[in-house]
């Protein structure tokens, strides 16, 4: 006898395959920690290891180009990002909330970047980040990222204040 999905009962997926391993949230949290460490070290190769390494990556950012399609294109954004700082900027991720279901997950967080720009001015920028993840070959990777800031509706200008 077969079930409605044309699989024998002993062929049905186990609970972890359907709903995700209980360790998946911890794995995504570790990915975000590795990302922050890589940014703080100025290591673009390590940053990019957190993203899907092909042309399916999509990133919506607050800086011009606005949309990046593909890992190679987004890597160029990180090269440009670091070129505006004296030394390595620092990033702190707070309010990280993660949801996982099977091989798909998403998170949202507040990310605060600090550093000194090339003119010697102090930089303090806070952005909101939403990431979409896929578990590929047992590893979680960012496949979609959306970076945003609030907008002051009276002025129409972005608000980069340190407070979310």
N, C-alpha and C. Protein backbone atom coordinates (compact mmCIF):
# COMPACT_ATOMS: atom_id res chain seq x y z
N UNK A 1 0.84 -1.18 0.00
CA UNK A 1 0.00 0.00 0.00
C UNK A 1 0.88 1.25 0.00
N UNK A 2 0.51 2.22 -0.80
CA UNK A 2 1.27 3.46 -0.85
C UNK A 2 0.45 4.59 -0.25
N UNK A 3 1.15 5.62 0.17
CA UNK A 3 0.47 6.80 0.71
C UNK A 3 0.19 7.75 -0.44
N UNK A 4 -0.47 8.86 -0.16
CA UNK A 4 -0.82 9.83 -1.19
C UNK A 4 0.38 10.44 -1.89
N UNK A 5 1.55 10.33 -1.30
CA UNK A 5 2.73 10.90 -1.94
C UNK A 5 3.51 9.85 -2.72
N UNK A 6 2.90 8.70 -2.96
CA UNK A 6 3.49 7.62 -3.75
C UNK A 6 4.75 7.04 -3.14
N UNK A 7 4.94 7.17 -1.86
CA UNK A 7 6.07 6.56 -1.18
C UNK A 7 5.56 5.54 -0.19
N UNK A 8 6.30 4.48 -0.05
CA UNK A 8 5.98 3.52 0.99
C UNK A 8 6.14 4.21 2.34
N UNK A 9 5.38 3.81 3.36
CA UNK A 9 5.47 4.46 4.68
C UNK A 9 6.90 4.51 5.21
N UNK A 10 7.70 3.48 4.98
CA UNK A 10 9.07 3.50 5.50
C UNK A 10 9.98 4.40 4.67
N UNK A 11 9.47 4.95 3.57
CA UNK A 11 10.26 5.86 2.75
C UNK A 11 9.96 7.33 3.08
N UNK A 12 8.97 7.57 3.92
CA UNK A 12 8.65 8.95 4.27
C UNK A 12 9.83 9.61 4.94
N UNK A 13 9.96 10.90 4.71
CA UNK A 13 11.06 11.64 5.31
C UNK A 13 10.91 11.65 6.82
N UNK A 14 12.06 11.70 7.50
CA UNK A 14 11.98 11.81 8.95
C UNK A 14 11.64 13.25 9.34
N UNK A 15 11.29 13.45 10.57
CA UNK A 15 10.84 14.76 11.05
C UNK A 15 11.88 15.84 10.80
N UNK A 16 13.16 15.54 10.98
CA UNK A 16 14.21 16.54 10.79
C UNK A 16 14.29 16.97 9.33
N UNK A 17 14.05 16.05 8.39
CA UNK A 17 14.09 16.43 6.98
C UNK A 17 12.94 17.37 6.62
N UNK A 18 11.80 17.20 7.27
CA UNK A 18 10.64 18.02 6.96
C UNK A 18 10.68 19.35 7.70
N UNK A 19 10.95 19.32 8.99
CA UNK A 19 10.86 20.53 9.81
C UNK A 19 12.21 21.15 10.15
N UNK A 20 13.29 20.53 9.77
CA UNK A 20 14.60 21.09 10.06
C UNK A 20 15.19 20.51 11.33
N UNK A 21 16.46 20.36 11.31
CA UNK A 21 17.21 19.87 12.46
C UNK A 21 17.16 20.92 13.56
N UNK A 22 17.00 20.50 14.81
CA UNK A 22 16.97 21.48 15.90
C UNK A 22 18.24 22.33 15.97
N UNK A 23 19.31 21.86 15.37
CA UNK A 23 20.57 22.62 15.39
C UNK A 23 20.67 23.64 14.26
N UNK A 24 19.66 23.68 13.37
CA UNK A 24 19.73 24.60 12.24
C UNK A 24 19.77 26.06 12.67
N UNK A 25 18.97 26.43 13.65
CA UNK A 25 18.99 27.82 14.12
C UNK A 25 20.38 28.17 14.65
N UNK A 26 20.98 27.25 15.39
CA UNK A 26 22.33 27.49 15.92
C UNK A 26 23.34 27.61 14.77
N UNK A 27 23.16 26.82 13.71
CA UNK A 27 24.07 26.89 12.56
C UNK A 27 23.95 28.23 11.85
N UNK A 28 22.74 28.73 11.72
CA UNK A 28 22.56 30.04 11.08
C UNK A 28 23.11 31.15 11.97
N UNK A 29 22.92 31.03 13.27
CA UNK A 29 23.49 32.01 14.20
C UNK A 29 25.03 32.01 14.08
N UNK A 30 25.61 30.83 13.93
CA UNK A 30 27.06 30.72 13.77
C UNK A 30 27.49 31.35 12.44
N UNK A 31 26.70 31.17 11.38
CA UNK A 31 27.00 31.79 10.10
C UNK A 31 27.03 33.31 10.26
N UNK A 32 26.06 33.87 10.97
CA UNK A 32 26.02 35.32 11.18
C UNK A 32 27.22 35.78 12.03
N UNK A 33 27.62 34.97 12.99
CA UNK A 33 28.81 35.30 13.79
C UNK A 33 30.07 35.28 12.92
N UNK A 34 30.17 34.29 12.02
CA UNK A 34 31.32 34.22 11.11
C UNK A 34 31.32 35.41 10.16
N UNK A 35 30.14 35.80 9.72
CA UNK A 35 30.03 36.97 8.86
C UNK A 35 30.55 38.22 9.57
N UNK A 36 30.10 38.45 10.79
CA UNK A 36 30.54 39.63 11.56
C UNK A 36 32.04 39.59 11.79
N UNK A 37 32.58 38.44 12.14
CA UNK A 37 34.02 38.32 12.35
C UNK A 37 34.79 38.63 11.08
N UNK A 38 34.28 38.16 9.94
CA UNK A 38 34.94 38.41 8.66
C UNK A 38 34.92 39.90 8.31
N UNK A 39 33.78 40.56 8.54
CA UNK A 39 33.71 42.00 8.29
C UNK A 39 34.69 42.72 9.19
N UNK A 40 34.69 42.37 10.47
CA UNK A 40 35.58 43.04 11.43
C UNK A 40 37.06 42.83 11.09
N UNK A 41 37.38 41.73 10.42
CA UNK A 41 38.76 41.45 10.01
C UNK A 41 39.08 42.03 8.63
N UNK A 42 38.05 42.53 7.94
CA UNK A 42 38.26 43.04 6.58
C UNK A 42 38.55 41.93 5.58
N UNK A 43 38.07 40.73 5.83
CA UNK A 43 38.37 39.55 5.02
C UNK A 43 37.22 39.26 4.06
N UNK A 44 37.33 39.79 2.84
CA UNK A 44 36.26 39.66 1.86
C UNK A 44 36.04 38.19 1.48
N UNK A 45 37.10 37.41 1.35
CA UNK A 45 36.93 35.99 1.04
C UNK A 45 36.08 35.30 2.09
N UNK A 46 36.35 35.57 3.36
CA UNK A 46 35.58 34.96 4.45
C UNK A 46 34.14 35.48 4.47
N UNK A 47 33.94 36.76 4.14
CA UNK A 47 32.58 37.30 4.05
C UNK A 47 31.80 36.53 3.00
N UNK A 48 32.38 36.35 1.83
CA UNK A 48 31.67 35.74 0.71
C UNK A 48 31.40 34.25 0.92
N UNK A 49 32.10 33.60 1.84
CA UNK A 49 31.84 32.18 2.14
C UNK A 49 30.46 31.99 2.79
N UNK A 50 29.85 33.07 3.24
CA UNK A 50 28.53 33.00 3.87
C UNK A 50 27.40 33.11 2.86
N UNK A 51 27.73 33.42 1.62
CA UNK A 51 26.74 33.62 0.56
C UNK A 51 26.83 32.49 -0.46
N UNK A 52 25.70 32.21 -1.14
CA UNK A 52 25.72 31.24 -2.22
C UNK A 52 26.69 31.75 -3.28
N UNK A 53 27.60 30.90 -3.75
CA UNK A 53 28.70 31.39 -4.60
C UNK A 53 28.39 31.43 -6.09
N UNK A 54 27.15 31.70 -6.45
CA UNK A 54 26.83 31.69 -7.88
C UNK A 54 25.96 32.88 -8.24
N UNK A 55 25.40 32.85 -9.44
CA UNK A 55 24.62 33.98 -9.94
C UNK A 55 23.21 34.04 -9.41
N UNK A 56 22.82 33.10 -8.53
CA UNK A 56 21.47 33.14 -7.98
C UNK A 56 21.35 34.07 -6.77
N UNK A 57 22.49 34.51 -6.23
CA UNK A 57 22.45 35.43 -5.09
C UNK A 57 21.79 36.75 -5.51
N UNK A 58 20.87 37.23 -4.67
CA UNK A 58 20.23 38.52 -4.89
C UNK A 58 20.36 39.32 -3.60
N UNK A 59 20.88 40.56 -3.73
CA UNK A 59 21.03 41.45 -2.58
C UNK A 59 20.46 42.81 -2.94
N UNK A 60 19.55 43.30 -2.09
CA UNK A 60 19.05 44.67 -2.20
C UNK A 60 19.73 45.45 -1.09
N UNK A 61 20.44 46.52 -1.48
CA UNK A 61 21.24 47.28 -0.52
C UNK A 61 20.77 48.73 -0.50
N UNK A 62 21.26 49.47 0.48
CA UNK A 62 20.89 50.88 0.60
C UNK A 62 21.82 51.78 -0.20
N UNK A 63 22.91 51.25 -0.69
CA UNK A 63 23.87 52.06 -1.44
C UNK A 63 23.68 51.83 -2.94
N UNK A 64 24.08 52.81 -3.75
CA UNK A 64 23.90 52.66 -5.18
C UNK A 64 24.53 51.39 -5.71
N UNK A 65 23.89 50.98 -6.48
CA UNK A 65 23.56 49.90 -7.34
C UNK A 65 22.21 49.39 -6.86
N UNK A 66 21.92 49.45 -5.61
CA UNK A 66 20.65 49.05 -4.99
C UNK A 66 20.39 47.55 -5.08
N UNK A 67 20.55 46.93 -6.27
CA UNK A 67 20.34 45.50 -6.41
C UNK A 67 21.60 44.88 -7.00
N UNK A 68 22.06 43.82 -6.33
CA UNK A 68 23.21 43.06 -6.80
C UNK A 68 22.74 41.66 -7.15
N UNK A 69 23.06 41.24 -8.36
CA UNK A 69 22.71 39.88 -8.80
C UNK A 69 24.00 39.10 -9.00
N UNK A 70 24.14 38.05 -8.22
CA UNK A 70 25.31 37.19 -8.35
C UNK A 70 26.39 37.51 -7.34
N UNK A 71 27.10 36.46 -6.93
CA UNK A 71 28.13 36.60 -5.90
C UNK A 71 29.29 37.47 -6.36
N UNK A 72 29.71 37.35 -7.62
CA UNK A 72 30.84 38.14 -8.10
C UNK A 72 30.53 39.64 -8.05
N UNK A 73 29.32 39.99 -8.44
CA UNK A 73 28.91 41.40 -8.40
C UNK A 73 28.85 41.90 -6.97
N UNK A 74 28.33 41.08 -6.07
CA UNK A 74 28.23 41.52 -4.69
C UNK A 74 29.60 41.62 -4.02
N UNK A 75 30.51 40.77 -4.42
CA UNK A 75 31.88 40.85 -3.89
C UNK A 75 32.47 42.23 -4.19
N UNK A 76 32.20 42.76 -5.38
CA UNK A 76 32.70 44.09 -5.74
C UNK A 76 32.16 45.15 -4.80
N UNK A 77 30.92 44.98 -4.32
CA UNK A 77 30.34 45.91 -3.36
C UNK A 77 31.16 45.93 -2.07
N UNK A 78 31.57 44.74 -1.61
CA UNK A 78 32.37 44.69 -0.38
C UNK A 78 33.74 45.33 -0.60
N UNK A 79 34.34 45.15 -1.77
CA UNK A 79 35.62 45.80 -2.06
C UNK A 79 35.46 47.31 -1.99
N UNK A 80 34.37 47.81 -2.57
CA UNK A 80 34.11 49.25 -2.54
C UNK A 80 33.84 49.72 -1.11
N UNK A 81 33.06 48.94 -0.35
CA UNK A 81 32.74 49.28 1.04
C UNK A 81 34.01 49.53 1.85
N UNK A 82 34.95 48.60 1.80
CA UNK A 82 36.18 48.72 2.59
C UNK A 82 37.07 49.87 2.10
N UNK A 83 36.95 50.24 0.83
CA UNK A 83 37.80 51.31 0.28
C UNK A 83 37.47 52.68 0.87
N UNK A 84 36.33 52.80 1.54
CA UNK A 84 35.92 54.08 2.11
C UNK A 84 36.37 54.27 3.56
N UNK A 85 37.07 53.29 4.12
CA UNK A 85 37.46 53.34 5.52
C UNK A 85 38.98 53.37 5.69
N UNK A 86 39.42 54.06 6.74
CA UNK A 86 40.79 53.92 7.23
C UNK A 86 40.76 52.73 8.17
N UNK A 87 41.48 51.69 7.84
CA UNK A 87 41.42 50.48 8.65
C UNK A 87 40.12 49.75 8.41
N UNK A 88 39.87 48.75 9.24
CA UNK A 88 38.67 47.94 9.09
C UNK A 88 37.53 48.51 9.93
N UNK A 89 36.37 48.68 9.30
CA UNK A 89 35.21 49.06 10.10
C UNK A 89 34.80 47.87 10.97
N UNK A 90 33.99 48.13 11.94
CA UNK A 90 33.48 47.08 12.83
C UNK A 90 31.98 46.98 12.66
N UNK A 91 31.47 45.77 12.77
CA UNK A 91 30.03 45.55 12.68
C UNK A 91 29.57 44.79 13.91
N UNK A 92 28.43 45.17 14.43
CA UNK A 92 27.80 44.47 15.55
C UNK A 92 26.39 44.11 15.13
N UNK A 93 26.03 42.85 15.29
CA UNK A 93 24.70 42.37 14.93
C UNK A 93 23.90 42.18 16.22
N UNK A 94 22.74 42.81 16.29
CA UNK A 94 21.87 42.68 17.46
C UNK A 94 20.46 42.30 17.00
N UNK A 95 19.66 41.92 17.98
CA UNK A 95 18.25 41.60 17.72
C UNK A 95 18.08 40.58 16.61
N UNK A 96 18.98 39.60 16.55
CA UNK A 96 18.91 38.57 15.51
C UNK A 96 17.79 37.59 15.82
N UNK A 97 16.83 37.50 14.92
CA UNK A 97 15.73 36.56 15.05
C UNK A 97 15.76 35.63 13.85
N UNK A 98 15.70 34.31 14.09
CA UNK A 98 15.87 33.31 13.05
C UNK A 98 14.66 32.38 13.02
N UNK A 99 14.20 32.08 11.83
CA UNK A 99 13.13 31.10 11.62
C UNK A 99 13.62 30.08 10.59
N UNK A 100 13.43 28.80 10.88
CA UNK A 100 13.87 27.74 9.98
C UNK A 100 12.73 26.76 9.76
N UNK A 101 12.58 26.32 8.51
CA UNK A 101 11.62 25.27 8.18
C UNK A 101 12.23 24.44 7.07
N UNK A 102 12.68 23.23 7.42
CA UNK A 102 13.32 22.37 6.42
C UNK A 102 14.65 22.96 5.99
N UNK A 103 14.82 23.10 4.67
CA UNK A 103 16.07 23.62 4.11
C UNK A 103 16.01 25.11 3.78
N UNK A 104 15.00 25.79 4.32
CA UNK A 104 14.82 27.22 4.08
C UNK A 104 14.77 27.93 5.43
N UNK A 105 15.38 29.09 5.50
CA UNK A 105 15.33 29.87 6.72
C UNK A 105 15.38 31.35 6.40
N UNK A 106 15.03 32.16 7.38
CA UNK A 106 15.21 33.60 7.22
C UNK A 106 15.51 34.21 8.57
N UNK A 107 16.11 35.39 8.53
CA UNK A 107 16.40 36.10 9.77
C UNK A 107 16.21 37.59 9.53
N UNK A 108 16.09 38.30 10.64
CA UNK A 108 16.14 39.76 10.57
C UNK A 108 16.95 40.23 11.76
N UNK A 109 17.67 41.32 11.55
CA UNK A 109 18.55 41.83 12.60
C UNK A 109 18.77 43.32 12.40
N UNK A 110 19.38 43.90 13.42
CA UNK A 110 19.87 45.27 13.35
C UNK A 110 21.39 45.17 13.29
N UNK A 111 22.00 45.89 12.36
CA UNK A 111 23.46 45.84 12.22
C UNK A 111 24.02 47.26 12.28
N UNK A 112 24.98 47.42 13.18
CA UNK A 112 25.57 48.73 13.43
C UNK A 112 27.02 48.70 12.99
N UNK A 113 27.36 49.60 12.06
CA UNK A 113 28.72 49.70 11.53
C UNK A 113 29.37 50.95 12.08
N UNK A 114 30.59 50.78 12.59
CA UNK A 114 31.37 51.91 13.08
C UNK A 114 32.76 51.87 12.46
N UNK A 115 33.39 53.01 12.37
CA UNK A 115 34.73 53.09 11.83
C UNK A 115 35.11 54.53 11.59
N UNK A 116 36.19 54.70 10.84
CA UNK A 116 36.67 56.02 10.48
C UNK A 116 36.82 56.06 8.96
N UNK A 117 36.20 57.07 8.33
CA UNK A 117 36.29 57.14 6.87
C UNK A 117 37.63 57.71 6.43
N UNK A 118 37.86 57.76 5.14
CA UNK A 118 39.15 58.20 4.59
C UNK A 118 39.48 59.65 4.93
N UNK A 119 38.46 60.44 5.25
CA UNK A 119 38.69 61.84 5.63
C UNK A 119 38.91 62.00 7.12
N UNK A 120 38.88 60.89 7.87
CA UNK A 120 39.10 60.93 9.30
C UNK A 120 37.85 61.15 10.13
N UNK A 121 36.68 61.12 9.49
CA UNK A 121 35.42 61.31 10.20
C UNK A 121 34.92 59.98 10.77
N UNK A 122 34.33 60.08 11.94
CA UNK A 122 33.75 58.91 12.59
C UNK A 122 32.48 58.49 11.84
N UNK A 123 32.34 57.17 11.63
CA UNK A 123 31.17 56.63 10.95
C UNK A 123 30.37 55.79 11.93
N UNK A 124 29.08 56.07 12.01
CA UNK A 124 28.14 55.28 12.82
C UNK A 124 26.89 55.10 11.96
N UNK A 125 26.69 53.90 11.45
CA UNK A 125 25.54 53.61 10.59
C UNK A 125 24.80 52.40 11.13
N UNK A 126 23.49 52.51 11.19
CA UNK A 126 22.66 51.40 11.62
C UNK A 126 21.71 51.04 10.49
N UNK A 127 21.67 49.75 10.15
CA UNK A 127 20.78 49.28 9.10
C UNK A 127 19.97 48.09 9.61
N UNK A 128 18.88 47.84 8.92
CA UNK A 128 18.05 46.66 9.19
C UNK A 128 18.38 45.65 8.10
N UNK A 129 18.58 44.40 8.47
CA UNK A 129 18.96 43.37 7.50
C UNK A 129 18.02 42.18 7.62
N UNK A 130 17.50 41.75 6.48
CA UNK A 130 16.72 40.52 6.40
C UNK A 130 17.47 39.60 5.46
N UNK A 131 17.76 38.38 5.93
CA UNK A 131 18.46 37.39 5.12
C UNK A 131 17.58 36.18 4.87
N UNK A 132 17.67 35.65 3.66
CA UNK A 132 17.04 34.38 3.33
C UNK A 132 18.15 33.35 3.14
N UNK A 133 17.95 32.16 3.69
CA UNK A 133 18.99 31.11 3.66
C UNK A 133 18.44 29.85 3.00
N UNK A 134 19.35 29.09 2.42
CA UNK A 134 19.06 27.73 1.97
C UNK A 134 20.14 26.81 2.51
N UNK A 135 19.73 25.63 2.89
CA UNK A 135 20.68 24.62 3.34
C UNK A 135 21.05 23.79 2.12
N UNK A 136 22.31 23.90 1.72
CA UNK A 136 22.79 23.25 0.52
C UNK A 136 23.97 22.37 0.90
N UNK A 137 23.87 21.09 0.61
CA UNK A 137 24.96 20.18 0.96
C UNK A 137 25.25 20.17 2.44
N UNK A 138 24.22 20.38 3.27
CA UNK A 138 24.38 20.37 4.71
C UNK A 138 24.85 21.69 5.30
N UNK A 139 25.07 22.71 4.44
CA UNK A 139 25.56 24.01 4.91
C UNK A 139 24.54 25.10 4.61
N UNK A 140 24.35 25.99 5.59
CA UNK A 140 23.47 27.12 5.39
C UNK A 140 24.22 28.24 4.69
N UNK A 141 23.58 28.84 3.67
CA UNK A 141 24.16 29.96 2.93
C UNK A 141 23.10 31.03 2.74
N UNK A 142 23.55 32.28 2.72
CA UNK A 142 22.65 33.39 2.42
C UNK A 142 22.41 33.38 0.91
N UNK A 143 21.13 33.37 0.52
CA UNK A 143 20.77 33.38 -0.90
C UNK A 143 20.04 34.66 -1.28
N UNK A 144 19.53 35.37 -0.27
CA UNK A 144 18.82 36.63 -0.49
C UNK A 144 19.09 37.53 0.70
N UNK A 145 19.43 38.79 0.41
CA UNK A 145 19.66 39.74 1.50
C UNK A 145 19.00 41.05 1.15
N UNK A 146 18.37 41.65 2.15
CA UNK A 146 17.75 42.96 1.97
C UNK A 146 18.20 43.86 3.11
N UNK A 147 18.88 44.95 2.75
CA UNK A 147 19.39 45.91 3.71
C UNK A 147 18.55 47.18 3.56
N UNK A 148 18.07 47.70 4.70
CA UNK A 148 17.23 48.89 4.62
C UNK A 148 17.48 49.82 5.79
N UNK A 149 16.98 51.04 5.63
CA UNK A 149 17.00 52.03 6.71
C UNK A 149 15.62 52.67 6.75
N UNK A 150 15.24 53.17 7.93
CA UNK A 150 13.98 53.91 7.98
C UNK A 150 14.09 55.20 7.17
N UNK A 151 12.96 55.72 6.76
CA UNK A 151 12.91 56.97 6.00
C UNK A 151 12.07 57.97 6.79
N UNK A 152 12.60 59.18 6.91
CA UNK A 152 11.83 60.26 7.53
C UNK A 152 10.80 60.72 6.49
N UNK A 153 9.54 60.48 6.75
CA UNK A 153 8.50 60.79 5.78
C UNK A 153 8.34 62.28 5.52
N UNK A 154 8.74 63.12 6.48
CA UNK A 154 8.65 64.57 6.27
C UNK A 154 9.68 65.05 5.27
N UNK A 155 10.90 64.48 5.34
CA UNK A 155 11.98 64.94 4.46
C UNK A 155 12.24 64.01 3.28
N UNK A 156 11.79 62.76 3.40
CA UNK A 156 12.06 61.78 2.36
C UNK A 156 13.48 61.25 2.40
N UNK A 157 14.20 61.55 3.48
CA UNK A 157 15.61 61.15 3.58
C UNK A 157 15.77 59.94 4.50
N UNK A 158 16.78 59.15 4.17
CA UNK A 158 17.11 57.99 4.98
C UNK A 158 17.59 58.42 6.36
N UNK A 159 17.28 57.61 7.37
CA UNK A 159 17.68 57.89 8.74
C UNK A 159 18.71 56.82 9.12
N UNK A 160 19.97 57.22 9.24
CA UNK A 160 21.06 56.30 9.55
C UNK A 160 21.45 56.35 11.03
N UNK A 161 20.57 56.81 11.88
CA UNK A 161 20.91 56.98 13.29
C UNK A 161 21.29 55.66 13.93
N UNK A 162 22.07 55.74 15.01
CA UNK A 162 22.49 54.52 15.70
C UNK A 162 21.35 53.73 16.32
N UNK A 163 20.20 54.37 16.52
CA UNK A 163 19.05 53.67 17.09
C UNK A 163 18.24 53.04 15.98
N UNK A 164 17.77 51.80 16.16
CA UNK A 164 16.98 51.15 15.12
C UNK A 164 15.64 51.83 14.90
